[in-house]
């Protein structure tokens, strides 16, 4: 399917590439705490892949408006050899980084939040603000690809409005992964703060879980040929096999898979933000179970999660025992 060219009077090529070399973007969407950071960092070990982390938050964090100013390399984003060269893109002459970031943030809030997903899918680049944001993101993706010699950019932003926008960026070919994790495990993960990540109650986290997954489903339903549904539990059951699937999705050779059974050697990355574990390097083993919620959540929290998630949880194959339906035997064997 050909990208829809932006209608901004810039002389965009009829095929939607804008005359640029096409860049693939593997967009991992869904709600937070779903395992996207580790999957992105595994893919980052492939020579022509580059994991940007949650690119949506680049400007907010770099300008000190967010909770985490550090790149995955350990330097501040404004000092990182990658992002320090990307941040000036689209910055009006004479303006400061903070002024530029504030303008980007206003456009994001007004055009590509989760609530805007269906509008972006249905109306595309329908106003000046979203056209400006699309132009910026087009330039940023292409600049990242050029600077890092990347054929595939892995973006784990998980803001569905941004994901829906990808189809309207000149020269960008998006592939979508709807990544889902058991809502009870997600609620347990949110129950305690972790470094720069704040805590969130089970009701709020499950409400977001439902909203984000509904929006992610709308995107993958629109573009099924370039989309994949993935449960976190299936990833940890067979991490190497899952990475093979992701490579096939974006037409890459599975011989490049960096996994050895359940182990991967991780090196320094340049993720904008994500799970604080993104700073970990060295031999990393993917654990085969994800059941800390069984002892980590109270009965009242479990009831809250069940009440708010059950329609989608059933659709995604989560049984009452907290494991994907049909996988109970495998889960017991792994434990």
C-alpha atoms as a PDB file:
ATOM      1  CA  UNK A   1       0.000   0.000   0.000  1.00  0.00           C
ATOM      2  CA  UNK A   2       1.425   3.387  -0.983  1.00  0.00           C
ATOM      3  CA  UNK A   3       1.802   6.141   1.574  1.00  0.00           C
ATOM      4  CA  UNK A   4      -0.563   9.076   1.295  1.00  0.00           C
ATOM      5  CA  UNK A   5       1.472  12.129   0.280  1.00  0.00           C
ATOM      6  CA  UNK A   6       1.196  15.269   2.360  1.00  0.00           C
ATOM      7  CA  UNK A   7      -0.887  17.993   0.768  1.00  0.00           C
ATOM      8  CA  UNK A   8       1.266  20.941   1.779  1.00  0.00           C
ATOM      9  CA  UNK A   9       2.264  22.402  -1.543  1.00  0.00           C
ATOM     10  CA  UNK A  10       5.817  21.118  -1.254  1.00  0.00           C
ATOM     11  CA  UNK A  11       5.888  19.317  -4.584  1.00  0.00           C
ATOM     12  CA  UNK A  12       5.599  15.849  -3.074  1.00  0.00           C
ATOM     13  CA  UNK A  13       6.132  13.028  -5.546  1.00  0.00           C
ATOM     14  CA  UNK A  14       2.990  11.265  -6.696  1.00  0.00           C
ATOM     15  CA  UNK A  15       4.082   7.969  -5.106  1.00  0.00           C
ATOM     16  CA  UNK A  16       4.314   9.581  -1.668  1.00  0.00           C
ATOM     17  CA  UNK A  17       8.092   9.187  -1.317  1.00  0.00           C
ATOM     18  CA  UNK A  18       8.888  12.867  -1.817  1.00  0.00           C
ATOM     19  CA  UNK A  19      11.906  11.772  -3.843  1.00  0.00           C
ATOM     20  CA  UNK A  20      13.538  10.299  -0.723  1.00  0.00           C
ATOM     21  CA  UNK A  21      14.942   6.832  -0.185  1.00  0.00           C
ATOM     22  CA  UNK A  22      12.158   4.861   1.540  1.00  0.00           C
ATOM     23  CA  UNK A  23      12.699   4.150   5.244  1.00  0.00           C
ATOM     24  CA  UNK A  24      10.870   1.395   7.087  1.00  0.00           C
ATOM     25  CA  UNK A  25       9.516   2.188  10.548  1.00  0.00           C
ATOM     26  CA  UNK A  26       8.616  -0.765  12.761  1.00  0.00           C
ATOM     27  CA  UNK A  27       6.083   0.795  15.101  1.00  0.00           C
ATOM     28  CA  UNK A  28       5.422  -1.125  18.326  1.00  0.00           C
ATOM     29  CA  UNK A  29       2.186   0.100  19.834  1.00  0.00           C
ATOM     30  CA  UNK A  30      -0.179  -0.800  22.685  1.00  0.00           C
ATOM     31  CA  UNK A  31      -0.122   0.369  26.323  1.00  0.00           C
ATOM     32  CA  UNK A  32       3.027   0.934  28.407  1.00  0.00           C
ATOM     33  CA  UNK A  33       4.782  -1.820  30.400  1.00  0.00           C
ATOM     34  CA  UNK A  34       4.154  -4.265  27.571  1.00  0.00           C
ATOM     35  CA  UNK A  35       7.767  -5.281  26.889  1.00  0.00           C
ATOM     36  CA  UNK A  36       8.378  -2.971  23.938  1.00  0.00           C
ATOM     37  CA  UNK A  37      11.687  -1.629  25.273  1.00  0.00           C
ATOM     38  CA  UNK A  38      13.435  -4.998  25.497  1.00  0.00           C
ATOM     39  CA  UNK A  39      12.076  -6.086  22.114  1.00  0.00           C
ATOM     40  CA  UNK A  40      13.269  -2.817  20.589  1.00  0.00           C
ATOM     41  CA  UNK A  41      16.715  -3.187  22.128  1.00  0.00           C
ATOM     42  CA  UNK A  42      17.040  -6.758  20.842  1.00  0.00           C
ATOM     43  CA  UNK A  43      16.233  -5.518  17.325  1.00  0.00           C
ATOM     44  CA  UNK A  44      18.724  -2.691  17.852  1.00  0.00           C
ATOM     45  CA  UNK A  45      21.496  -5.319  17.793  1.00  0.00           C
ATOM     46  CA  UNK A  46      20.793  -5.981  14.115  1.00  0.00           C
ATOM     47  CA  UNK A  47      23.227  -3.906  11.974  1.00  0.00           C
ATOM     48  CA  UNK A  48      20.677  -2.029   9.825  1.00  0.00           C
ATOM     49  CA  UNK A  49      18.065  -1.599  12.571  1.00  0.00           C
ATOM     50  CA  UNK A  50      18.010   1.369  14.944  1.00  0.00           C
ATOM     51  CA  UNK A  51      15.784   1.580  18.043  1.00  0.00           C
ATOM     52  CA  UNK A  52      14.881   5.193  18.787  1.00  0.00           C
ATOM     53  CA  UNK A  53      12.856   4.344  21.885  1.00  0.00           C
ATOM     54  CA  UNK A  54       9.820   6.567  22.436  1.00  0.00           C
ATOM     55  CA  UNK A  55      10.536   9.238  19.842  1.00  0.00           C
ATOM     56  CA  UNK A  56       7.351  11.185  20.645  1.00  0.00           C
ATOM     57  CA  UNK A  57       8.991  12.400  23.872  1.00  0.00           C
ATOM     58  CA  UNK A  58      12.275  13.620  22.348  1.00  0.00           C
ATOM     59  CA  UNK A  59      11.431  17.315  22.494  1.00  0.00           C
ATOM     60  CA  UNK A  60       9.654  17.209  25.855  1.00  0.00           C
ATOM     61  CA  UNK A  61      12.521  15.399  27.569  1.00  0.00           C
ATOM     62  CA  UNK A  62      15.334  17.289  25.857  1.00  0.00           C
ATOM     63  CA  UNK A  63      13.828  20.615  26.939  1.00  0.00           C
ATOM     64  CA  UNK A  64      13.483  19.469  30.539  1.00  0.00           C
ATOM     65  CA  UNK A  65       9.692  19.305  30.337  1.00  0.00           C
ATOM     66  CA  UNK A  66       9.596  15.555  31.013  1.00  0.00           C
ATOM     67  CA  UNK A  67      10.869  13.269  33.741  1.00  0.00           C
ATOM     68  CA  UNK A  68      13.937  11.883  31.983  1.00  0.00           C
ATOM     69  CA  UNK A  69      16.519  13.881  30.036  1.00  0.00           C
ATOM     70  CA  UNK A  70      18.898  10.962  29.429  1.00  0.00           C
ATOM     71  CA  UNK A  71      19.538   9.069  26.229  1.00  0.00           C
ATOM     72  CA  UNK A  72      20.082   5.324  26.442  1.00  0.00           C
ATOM     73  CA  UNK A  73      23.794   6.054  25.999  1.00  0.00           C
ATOM     74  CA  UNK A  74      23.806   7.782  29.390  1.00  0.00           C
ATOM     75  CA  UNK A  75      24.339  11.328  28.141  1.00  0.00           C
ATOM     76  CA  UNK A  76      21.679  14.018  28.185  1.00  0.00           C
ATOM     77  CA  UNK A  77      19.716  14.103  24.954  1.00  0.00           C
ATOM     78  CA  UNK A  78      21.094  17.571  24.172  1.00  0.00           C
ATOM     79  CA  UNK A  79      24.639  16.188  24.514  1.00  0.00           C
ATOM     80  CA  UNK A  80      24.128  12.822  22.771  1.00  0.00           C
ATOM     81  CA  UNK A  81      26.016  12.584  19.449  1.00  0.00           C
ATOM     82  CA  UNK A  82      22.821  11.323  17.787  1.00  0.00           C
ATOM     83  CA  UNK A  83      20.038  13.448  19.247  1.00  0.00           C
ATOM     84  CA  UNK A  84      22.010  16.692  19.514  1.00  0.00           C
ATOM     85  CA  UNK A  85      22.107  16.690  15.699  1.00  0.00           C
ATOM     86  CA  UNK A  86      18.422  15.775  15.344  1.00  0.00           C
ATOM     87  CA  UNK A  87      16.919  18.273  17.786  1.00  0.00           C
ATOM     88  CA  UNK A  88      17.650  21.375  15.634  1.00  0.00           C
ATOM     89  CA  UNK A  89      15.602  19.963  12.730  1.00  0.00           C
ATOM     90  CA  UNK A  90      12.613  22.224  12.114  1.00  0.00           C
ATOM     91  CA  UNK A  91      13.699  24.721  14.770  1.00  0.00           C
ATOM     92  CA  UNK A  92      12.874  28.254  13.590  1.00  0.00           C
ATOM     93  CA  UNK A  93      15.880  30.520  13.199  1.00  0.00           C
ATOM     94  CA  UNK A  94      16.430  32.657  16.262  1.00  0.00           C
ATOM     95  CA  UNK A  95      14.343  30.459  18.566  1.00  0.00           C
ATOM     96  CA  UNK A  96      15.599  28.447  21.521  1.00  0.00           C
ATOM     97  CA  UNK A  97      15.327  24.692  21.981  1.00  0.00           C
ATOM     98  CA  UNK A  98      12.725  25.216  24.700  1.00  0.00           C
ATOM     99  CA  UNK A  99      10.615  27.434  22.437  1.00  0.00           C
ATOM    100  CA  UNK A 100      10.855  24.897  19.619  1.00  0.00           C
ATOM    101  CA  UNK A 101      10.026  22.016  21.972  1.00  0.00           C
ATOM    102  CA  UNK A 102       7.003  23.841  23.365  1.00  0.00           C
ATOM    103  CA  UNK A 103       5.682  24.361  19.843  1.00  0.00           C
ATOM    104  CA  UNK A 104       6.160  20.664  19.010  1.00  0.00           C
ATOM    105  CA  UNK A 105       4.453  19.620  22.258  1.00  0.00           C
ATOM    106  CA  UNK A 106       1.457  21.871  21.526  1.00  0.00           C
ATOM    107  CA  UNK A 107       1.069  20.287  18.090  1.00  0.00           C
ATOM    108  CA  UNK A 108       1.325  16.801  19.556  1.00  0.00           C
ATOM    109  CA  UNK A 109      -1.308  17.516  22.189  1.00  0.00           C
ATOM    110  CA  UNK A 110      -3.605  19.048  19.612  1.00  0.00           C
ATOM    111  CA  UNK A 111      -3.321  16.472  16.836  1.00  0.00           C
ATOM    112  CA  UNK A 112      -1.810  13.045  17.688  1.00  0.00           C
ATOM    113  CA  UNK A 113      -2.948  11.980  21.149  1.00  0.00           C
ATOM    114  CA  UNK A 114      -4.669   8.605  21.567  1.00  0.00           C
ATOM    115  CA  UNK A 115      -8.067  10.275  21.262  1.00  0.00           C
ATOM    116  CA  UNK A 116      -7.057  11.599  17.828  1.00  0.00           C
ATOM    117  CA  UNK A 117      -6.258   8.145  16.399  1.00  0.00           C
ATOM    118  CA  UNK A 118      -9.552   7.685  14.575  1.00  0.00           C
ATOM    119  CA  UNK A 119      -9.463  11.254  13.243  1.00  0.00           C
ATOM    120  CA  UNK A 120      -5.960  10.754  11.826  1.00  0.00           C
ATOM    121  CA  UNK A 121      -7.021   7.418  10.299  1.00  0.00           C
ATOM    122  CA  UNK A 122     -10.118   8.947   8.756  1.00  0.00           C
ATOM    123  CA  UNK A 123      -9.056  12.485   7.813  1.00  0.00           C
ATOM    124  CA  UNK A 124      -5.279  12.335   7.499  1.00  0.00           C
ATOM    125  CA  UNK A 125      -3.471  15.673   7.340  1.00  0.00           C
ATOM    126  CA  UNK A 126      -6.629  17.702   7.811  1.00  0.00           C
ATOM    127  CA  UNK A 127      -5.264  20.946   9.289  1.00  0.00           C
ATOM    128  CA  UNK A 128      -2.202  23.165   9.422  1.00  0.00           C
ATOM    129  CA  UNK A 129      -1.002  21.862  12.786  1.00  0.00           C
ATOM    130  CA  UNK A 130      -0.970  18.196  11.845  1.00  0.00           C
ATOM    131  CA  UNK A 131       0.664  18.975   8.492  1.00  0.00           C
ATOM    132  CA  UNK A 132       3.431  20.815  10.339  1.00  0.00           C
ATOM    133  CA  UNK A 133       3.929  17.891  12.697  1.00  0.00           C
ATOM    134  CA  UNK A 134       3.949  15.404   9.815  1.00  0.00           C
ATOM    135  CA  UNK A 135       6.601  17.480   8.029  1.00  0.00           C
ATOM    136  CA  UNK A 136       8.778  17.522  11.153  1.00  0.00           C
ATOM    137  CA  UNK A 137       8.448  13.779  11.768  1.00  0.00           C
ATOM    138  CA  UNK A 138       9.200  13.028   8.111  1.00  0.00           C
ATOM    139  CA  UNK A 139      12.442  14.998   8.311  1.00  0.00           C
ATOM    140  CA  UNK A 140      13.374  13.459  11.672  1.00  0.00           C
ATOM    141  CA  UNK A 141      12.907   9.842  10.572  1.00  0.00           C
ATOM    142  CA  UNK A 142      14.891  10.373   7.395  1.00  0.00           C
ATOM    143  CA  UNK A 143      17.662  12.190   9.272  1.00  0.00           C
ATOM    144  CA  UNK A 144      17.920   9.391  11.836  1.00  0.00           C
ATOM    145  CA  UNK A 145      18.071   6.783   9.075  1.00  0.00           C
ATOM    146  CA  UNK A 146      20.815   8.704   7.268  1.00  0.00           C
ATOM    147  CA  UNK A 147      22.921   9.382  10.365  1.00  0.00           C
ATOM    148  CA  UNK A 148      22.700   5.797  11.659  1.00  0.00           C
ATOM    149  CA  UNK A 149      22.740   4.053   8.266  1.00  0.00           C
ATOM    150  CA  UNK A 150      19.474   2.400   9.273  1.00  0.00           C
ATOM    151  CA  UNK A 151      17.155   0.563   6.917  1.00  0.00           C
ATOM    152  CA  UNK A 152      14.578  -0.044   9.662  1.00  0.00           C
ATOM    153  CA  UNK A 153      13.810   2.344  12.518  1.00  0.00           C
ATOM    154  CA  UNK A 154      12.133   0.758  15.535  1.00  0.00           C
ATOM    155  CA  UNK A 155       9.835   3.238  17.288  1.00  0.00           C
ATOM    156  CA  UNK A 156       8.285   2.112  20.580  1.00  0.00           C
ATOM    157  CA  UNK A 157       6.418   5.348  21.302  1.00  0.00           C
ATOM    158  CA  UNK A 158       3.032   3.635  21.836  1.00  0.00           C
ATOM    159  CA  UNK A 159       1.040   6.842  21.256  1.00  0.00           C
ATOM    160  CA  UNK A 160      -1.551   5.570  18.723  1.00  0.00           C
ATOM    161  CA  UNK A 161      -2.114   9.000  17.193  1.00  0.00           C
ATOM    162  CA  UNK A 162       1.567   9.154  16.247  1.00  0.00           C
ATOM    163  CA  UNK A 163       1.357   5.583  14.935  1.00  0.00           C
ATOM    164  CA  UNK A 164      -1.596   6.461  12.701  1.00  0.00           C
ATOM    165  CA  UNK A 165       0.321   9.461  11.341  1.00  0.00           C
ATOM    166  CA  UNK A 166       3.100   7.280   9.928  1.00  0.00           C
ATOM    167  CA  UNK A 167       1.050   6.425   6.841  1.00  0.00           C
ATOM    168  CA  UNK A 168       1.092  10.119   5.873  1.00  0.00           C
ATOM    169  CA  UNK A 169       4.863  10.685   6.063  1.00  0.00           C
ATOM    170  CA  UNK A 170       6.681  10.994   2.740  1.00  0.00           C
ATOM    171  CA  UNK A 171       9.092   8.145   2.103  1.00  0.00           C
ATOM    172  CA  UNK A 172       8.157   6.262   5.290  1.00  0.00           C
ATOM    173  CA  UNK A 173       6.881   2.676   5.063  1.00  0.00           C
ATOM    174  CA  UNK A 174       5.329   1.707   8.411  1.00  0.00           C
ATOM    175  CA  UNK A 175       4.921  -1.760   9.878  1.00  0.00           C
ATOM    176  CA  UNK A 176       2.781  -2.149  12.994  1.00  0.00           C
ATOM    177  CA  UNK A 177       3.108  -4.480  15.978  1.00  0.00           C
ATOM    178  CA  UNK A 178       0.185  -4.423  18.401  1.00  0.00           C
ATOM    179  CA  UNK A 179       1.900  -5.665  21.569  1.00  0.00           C
ATOM    180  CA  UNK A 180      -0.357  -6.703  24.465  1.00  0.00           C
ATOM    181  CA  UNK A 181       0.428  -7.891  27.983  1.00  0.00           C
ATOM    182  CA  UNK A 182      -1.894  -9.372  30.604  1.00  0.00           C
ATOM    183  CA  UNK A 183      -3.598  -6.348  32.240  1.00  0.00           C
ATOM    184  CA  UNK A 184      -2.943  -7.806  35.681  1.00  0.00           C
ATOM    185  CA  UNK A 185       0.781  -7.976  34.998  1.00  0.00           C
ATOM    186  CA  UNK A 186       0.622  -4.428  33.654  1.00  0.00           C
ATOM    187  CA  UNK A 187      -1.188  -3.185  36.767  1.00  0.00           C
ATOM    188  CA  UNK A 188       1.353  -4.901  39.004  1.00  0.00           C
ATOM    189  CA  UNK A 189       4.216  -3.320  37.056  1.00  0.00           C
ATOM    190  CA  UNK A 190       2.660   0.140  37.467  1.00  0.00           C
ATOM    191  CA  UNK A 191       2.038  -0.371  41.206  1.00  0.00           C
ATOM    192  CA  UNK A 192       5.530   0.765  42.241  1.00  0.00           C
ATOM    193  CA  UNK A 193       7.707   3.629  40.978  1.00  0.00           C
ATOM    194  CA  UNK A 194      10.882   2.688  39.118  1.00  0.00           C
ATOM    195  CA  UNK A 195      13.625   5.301  38.813  1.00  0.00           C
ATOM    196  CA  UNK A 196      12.099   8.074  36.661  1.00  0.00           C
ATOM    197  CA  UNK A 197       8.812   6.197  36.093  1.00  0.00           C
ATOM    198  CA  UNK A 198       6.003   7.093  38.503  1.00  0.00           C
ATOM    199  CA  UNK A 199       3.475   4.680  40.001  1.00  0.00           C
ATOM    200  CA  UNK A 200      -0.139   4.358  38.851  1.00  0.00           C
ATOM    201  CA  UNK A 201      -3.176   2.697  40.432  1.00  0.00           C
ATOM    202  CA  UNK A 202      -4.812  -0.409  38.929  1.00  0.00           C
ATOM    203  CA  UNK A 203      -7.952   1.431  37.824  1.00  0.00           C
ATOM    204  CA  UNK A 204      -6.061   4.111  35.941  1.00  0.00           C
ATOM    205  CA  UNK A 205      -3.528   1.738  34.386  1.00  0.00           C
ATOM    206  CA  UNK A 206      -6.276  -0.623  33.204  1.00  0.00           C
ATOM    207  CA  UNK A 207      -8.318   2.259  31.820  1.00  0.00           C
ATOM    208  CA  UNK A 208      -5.321   3.302  29.756  1.00  0.00           C
ATOM    209  CA  UNK A 209      -4.685  -0.348  28.826  1.00  0.00           C
ATOM    210  CA  UNK A 210      -8.179  -0.543  27.358  1.00  0.00           C
ATOM    211  CA  UNK A 211      -8.072   2.794  25.538  1.00  0.00           C
ATOM    212  CA  UNK A 212      -4.626   2.358  24.016  1.00  0.00           C
ATOM    213  CA  UNK A 213      -5.309  -1.198  22.877  1.00  0.00           C
ATOM    214  CA  UNK A 214      -8.588  -0.204  21.234  1.00  0.00           C
ATOM    215  CA  UNK A 215      -6.762   2.521  19.315  1.00  0.00           C
ATOM    216  CA  UNK A 216      -3.888   0.180  18.395  1.00  0.00           C
ATOM    217  CA  UNK A 217      -6.408  -2.352  17.091  1.00  0.00           C
ATOM    218  CA  UNK A 218      -8.002   0.317  14.885  1.00  0.00           C
ATOM    219  CA  UNK A 219      -4.624   0.938  13.243  1.00  0.00           C
ATOM    220  CA  UNK A 220      -3.696  -2.684  12.614  1.00  0.00           C
ATOM    221  CA  UNK A 221      -7.207  -3.393  11.329  1.00  0.00           C
ATOM    222  CA  UNK A 222      -6.731  -0.600   8.762  1.00  0.00           C
ATOM    223  CA  UNK A 223      -3.350  -1.945   7.590  1.00  0.00           C
ATOM    224  CA  UNK A 224      -3.469  -5.740   8.086  1.00  0.00           C
ATOM    225  CA  UNK A 225      -0.882  -6.597   5.433  1.00  0.00           C
ATOM    226  CA  UNK A 226       1.819  -4.760   7.372  1.00  0.00           C
ATOM    227  CA  UNK A 227       0.643  -5.532  10.891  1.00  0.00           C
ATOM    228  CA  UNK A 228       1.143  -8.178  13.542  1.00  0.00           C
ATOM    229  CA  UNK A 229      -0.595  -8.922  16.841  1.00  0.00           C
ATOM    230  CA  UNK A 230       1.742 -10.110  19.593  1.00  0.00           C
ATOM    231  CA  UNK A 231       1.229 -11.050  23.231  1.00  0.00           C
ATOM    232  CA  UNK A 232       4.107 -10.406  25.596  1.00  0.00           C
ATOM    233  CA  UNK A 233       3.543 -13.860  27.046  1.00  0.00           C
ATOM    234  CA  UNK A 234       4.160 -15.411  23.624  1.00  0.00           C
ATOM    235  CA  UNK A 235       7.354 -13.391  23.277  1.00  0.00           C
ATOM    236  CA  UNK A 236       8.825 -14.615  26.565  1.00  0.00           C
ATOM    237  CA  UNK A 237       7.751 -18.196  25.759  1.00  0.00           C
ATOM    238  CA  UNK A 238       9.817 -18.111  22.541  1.00  0.00           C
ATOM    239  CA  UNK A 239      11.901 -14.929  22.271  1.00  0.00           C
ATOM    240  CA  UNK A 240      14.065 -16.107  19.374  1.00  0.00           C
ATOM    241  CA  UNK A 241      11.041 -17.285  17.401  1.00  0.00           C
ATOM    242  CA  UNK A 242       9.261 -13.988  18.032  1.00  0.00           C
ATOM    243  CA  UNK A 243      12.204 -11.970  16.737  1.00  0.00           C
ATOM    244  CA  UNK A 244      12.143 -14.156  13.620  1.00  0.00           C
ATOM    245  CA  UNK A 245       8.473 -13.211  13.139  1.00  0.00           C
ATOM    246  CA  UNK A 246       9.253  -9.510  13.476  1.00  0.00           C
ATOM    247  CA  UNK A 247      12.065  -9.756  10.961  1.00  0.00           C
ATOM    248  CA  UNK A 248       9.792 -11.510   8.483  1.00  0.00           C
ATOM    249  CA  UNK A 249       7.140  -8.818   9.010  1.00  0.00           C
ATOM    250  CA  UNK A 250       9.438  -6.125   7.697  1.00  0.00           C
ATOM    251  CA  UNK A 251      11.034  -8.367   5.036  1.00  0.00           C
ATOM    252  CA  UNK A 252      14.371  -8.783   6.807  1.00  0.00           C
ATOM    253  CA  UNK A 253      16.540 -11.911   6.899  1.00  0.00           C
ATOM    254  CA  UNK A 254      16.046 -14.037  10.017  1.00  0.00           C
ATOM    255  CA  UNK A 255      19.756 -14.913   9.890  1.00  0.00           C
ATOM    256  CA  UNK A 256      20.317 -11.502  11.491  1.00  0.00           C
ATOM    257  CA  UNK A 257      18.445 -12.572  14.658  1.00  0.00           C
ATOM    258  CA  UNK A 258      20.788 -11.756  17.596  1.00  0.00           C
ATOM    259  CA  UNK A 259      19.052 -14.142  20.038  1.00  0.00           C
ATOM    260  CA  UNK A 260      20.702 -17.367  21.160  1.00  0.00           C
ATOM    261  CA  UNK A 261      17.860 -19.363  22.667  1.00  0.00           C
ATOM    262  CA  UNK A 262      16.758 -17.026  25.516  1.00  0.00           C
ATOM    263  CA  UNK A 263      19.909 -14.860  25.647  1.00  0.00           C
ATOM    264  CA  UNK A 264      20.983 -11.725  23.807  1.00  0.00           C
ATOM    265  CA  UNK A 265      24.099  -9.589  24.158  1.00  0.00           C
ATOM    266  CA  UNK A 266      22.973  -5.978  24.446  1.00  0.00           C
ATOM    267  CA  UNK A 267      25.188  -2.986  23.717  1.00  0.00           C
ATOM    268  CA  UNK A 268      24.746   0.728  24.344  1.00  0.00           C
ATOM    269  CA  UNK A 269      21.696   2.171  22.610  1.00  0.00           C
ATOM    270  CA  UNK A 270      20.333   5.623  21.861  1.00  0.00           C
ATOM    271  CA  UNK A 271      16.747   5.275  23.060  1.00  0.00           C
ATOM    272  CA  UNK A 272      14.951   8.541  23.803  1.00  0.00           C
ATOM    273  CA  UNK A 273      13.102   7.035  26.753  1.00  0.00           C
ATOM    274  CA  UNK A 274      11.336   3.834  27.806  1.00  0.00           C
ATOM    275  CA  UNK A 275      11.647   1.324  30.627  1.00  0.00           C
ATOM    276  CA  UNK A 276      14.680   2.196  32.818  1.00  0.00           C
ATOM    277  CA  UNK A 277      16.051  -1.257  31.991  1.00  0.00           C
ATOM    278  CA  UNK A 278      17.043   0.249  28.628  1.00  0.00           C
ATOM    279  CA  UNK A 279      20.358   1.269  30.250  1.00  0.00           C
ATOM    280  CA  UNK A 280      21.318  -2.360  30.909  1.00  0.00           C
ATOM    281  CA  UNK A 281      23.992  -3.845  28.658  1.00  0.00           C
ATOM    282  CA  UNK A 282      25.718  -7.221  28.429  1.00  0.00           C
ATOM    283  CA  UNK A 283      24.281 -10.722  28.337  1.00  0.00           C
ATOM    284  CA  UNK A 284      20.535 -10.496  28.976  1.00  0.00           C
ATOM    285  CA  UNK A 285      18.294 -13.492  29.569  1.00  0.00           C
ATOM    286  CA  UNK A 286      14.573 -13.298  28.797  1.00  0.00           C
ATOM    287  CA  UNK A 287      12.692 -14.801  31.745  1.00  0.00           C
ATOM    288  CA  UNK A 288      10.068 -17.401  30.759  1.00  0.00           C
ATOM    289  CA  UNK A 289       7.352 -16.356  33.240  1.00  0.00           C
ATOM    290  CA  UNK A 290       5.460 -13.176  34.056  1.00  0.00           C
ATOM    291  CA  UNK A 291       3.368 -13.987  37.100  1.00  0.00           C
ATOM    292  CA  UNK A 292       4.564 -11.579  39.811  1.00  0.00           C
ATOM    293  CA  UNK A 293       1.058 -10.103  39.792  1.00  0.00           C
ATOM    294  CA  UNK A 294      -0.245 -13.245  41.534  1.00  0.00           C
ATOM    295  CA  UNK A 295       1.367 -12.147  44.803  1.00  0.00           C
ATOM    296  CA  UNK A 296       1.920  -8.488  43.963  1.00  0.00           C
ATOM    297  CA  UNK A 297      -1.721  -7.400  43.529  1.00  0.00           C
ATOM    298  CA  UNK A 298      -4.371  -7.311  46.226  1.00  0.00           C
ATOM    299  CA  UNK A 299      -7.738  -8.994  45.714  1.00  0.00           C
ATOM    300  CA  UNK A 300      -9.409  -5.604  45.362  1.00  0.00           C
ATOM    301  CA  UNK A 301      -6.880  -4.586  42.686  1.00  0.00           C
ATOM    302  CA  UNK A 302      -7.503  -7.843  40.813  1.00  0.00           C
ATOM    303  CA  UNK A 303     -11.245  -7.207  40.888  1.00  0.00           C
ATOM    304  CA  UNK A 304     -10.718  -3.687  39.547  1.00  0.00           C
ATOM    305  CA  UNK A 305      -8.526  -4.903  36.697  1.00  0.00           C
ATOM    306  CA  UNK A 306     -10.947  -7.696  35.822  1.00  0.00           C
ATOM    307  CA  UNK A 307     -13.954  -5.363  35.769  1.00  0.00           C
ATOM    308  CA  UNK A 308     -12.257  -2.826  33.479  1.00  0.00           C
ATOM    309  CA  UNK A 309     -10.451  -5.194  31.132  1.00  0.00           C
ATOM    310  CA  UNK A 310     -12.600  -8.295  30.659  1.00  0.00           C
ATOM    311  CA  UNK A 311     -13.988  -7.644  27.152  1.00  0.00           C
ATOM    312  CA  UNK A 312     -10.565  -7.069  25.603  1.00  0.00           C
ATOM    313  CA  UNK A 313      -8.812  -9.547  27.893  1.00  0.00           C
ATOM    314  CA  UNK A 314     -11.119 -12.257  26.588  1.00  0.00           C
ATOM    315  CA  UNK A 315     -10.537 -11.152  22.989  1.00  0.00           C
ATOM    316  CA  UNK A 316      -6.785 -11.399  23.520  1.00  0.00           C
ATOM    317  CA  UNK A 317      -7.037 -14.914  24.938  1.00  0.00           C
ATOM    318  CA  UNK A 318      -6.359 -14.247  28.603  1.00  0.00           C
ATOM    319  CA  UNK A 319      -8.049 -16.824  30.812  1.00  0.00           C
ATOM    320  CA  UNK A 320      -9.109 -16.484  34.450  1.00  0.00           C
ATOM    321  CA  UNK A 321      -5.855 -18.102  35.589  1.00  0.00           C
ATOM    322  CA  UNK A 322      -3.941 -15.130  34.221  1.00  0.00           C
ATOM    323  CA  UNK A 323      -2.277 -16.933  31.337  1.00  0.00           C
ATOM    324  CA  UNK A 324      -3.231 -17.027  27.658  1.00  0.00           C
ATOM    325  CA  UNK A 325      -6.038 -19.507  27.057  1.00  0.00           C
ATOM    326  CA  UNK A 326      -4.658 -22.852  25.971  1.00  0.00           C
ATOM    327  CA  UNK A 327      -1.194 -22.131  27.388  1.00  0.00           C
ATOM    328  CA  UNK A 328      -1.802 -23.165  31.013  1.00  0.00           C
ATOM    329  CA  UNK A 329       0.104 -26.431  30.615  1.00  0.00           C
ATOM    330  CA  UNK A 330       3.105 -24.704  29.065  1.00  0.00           C
ATOM    331  CA  UNK A 331       3.097 -22.106  31.828  1.00  0.00           C
ATOM    332  CA  UNK A 332       3.139 -24.785  34.526  1.00  0.00           C
ATOM    333  CA  UNK A 333       6.002 -26.572  32.763  1.00  0.00           C
ATOM    334  CA  UNK A 334       8.045 -23.353  32.611  1.00  0.00           C
ATOM    335  CA  UNK A 335       7.562 -22.797  36.339  1.00  0.00           C
END
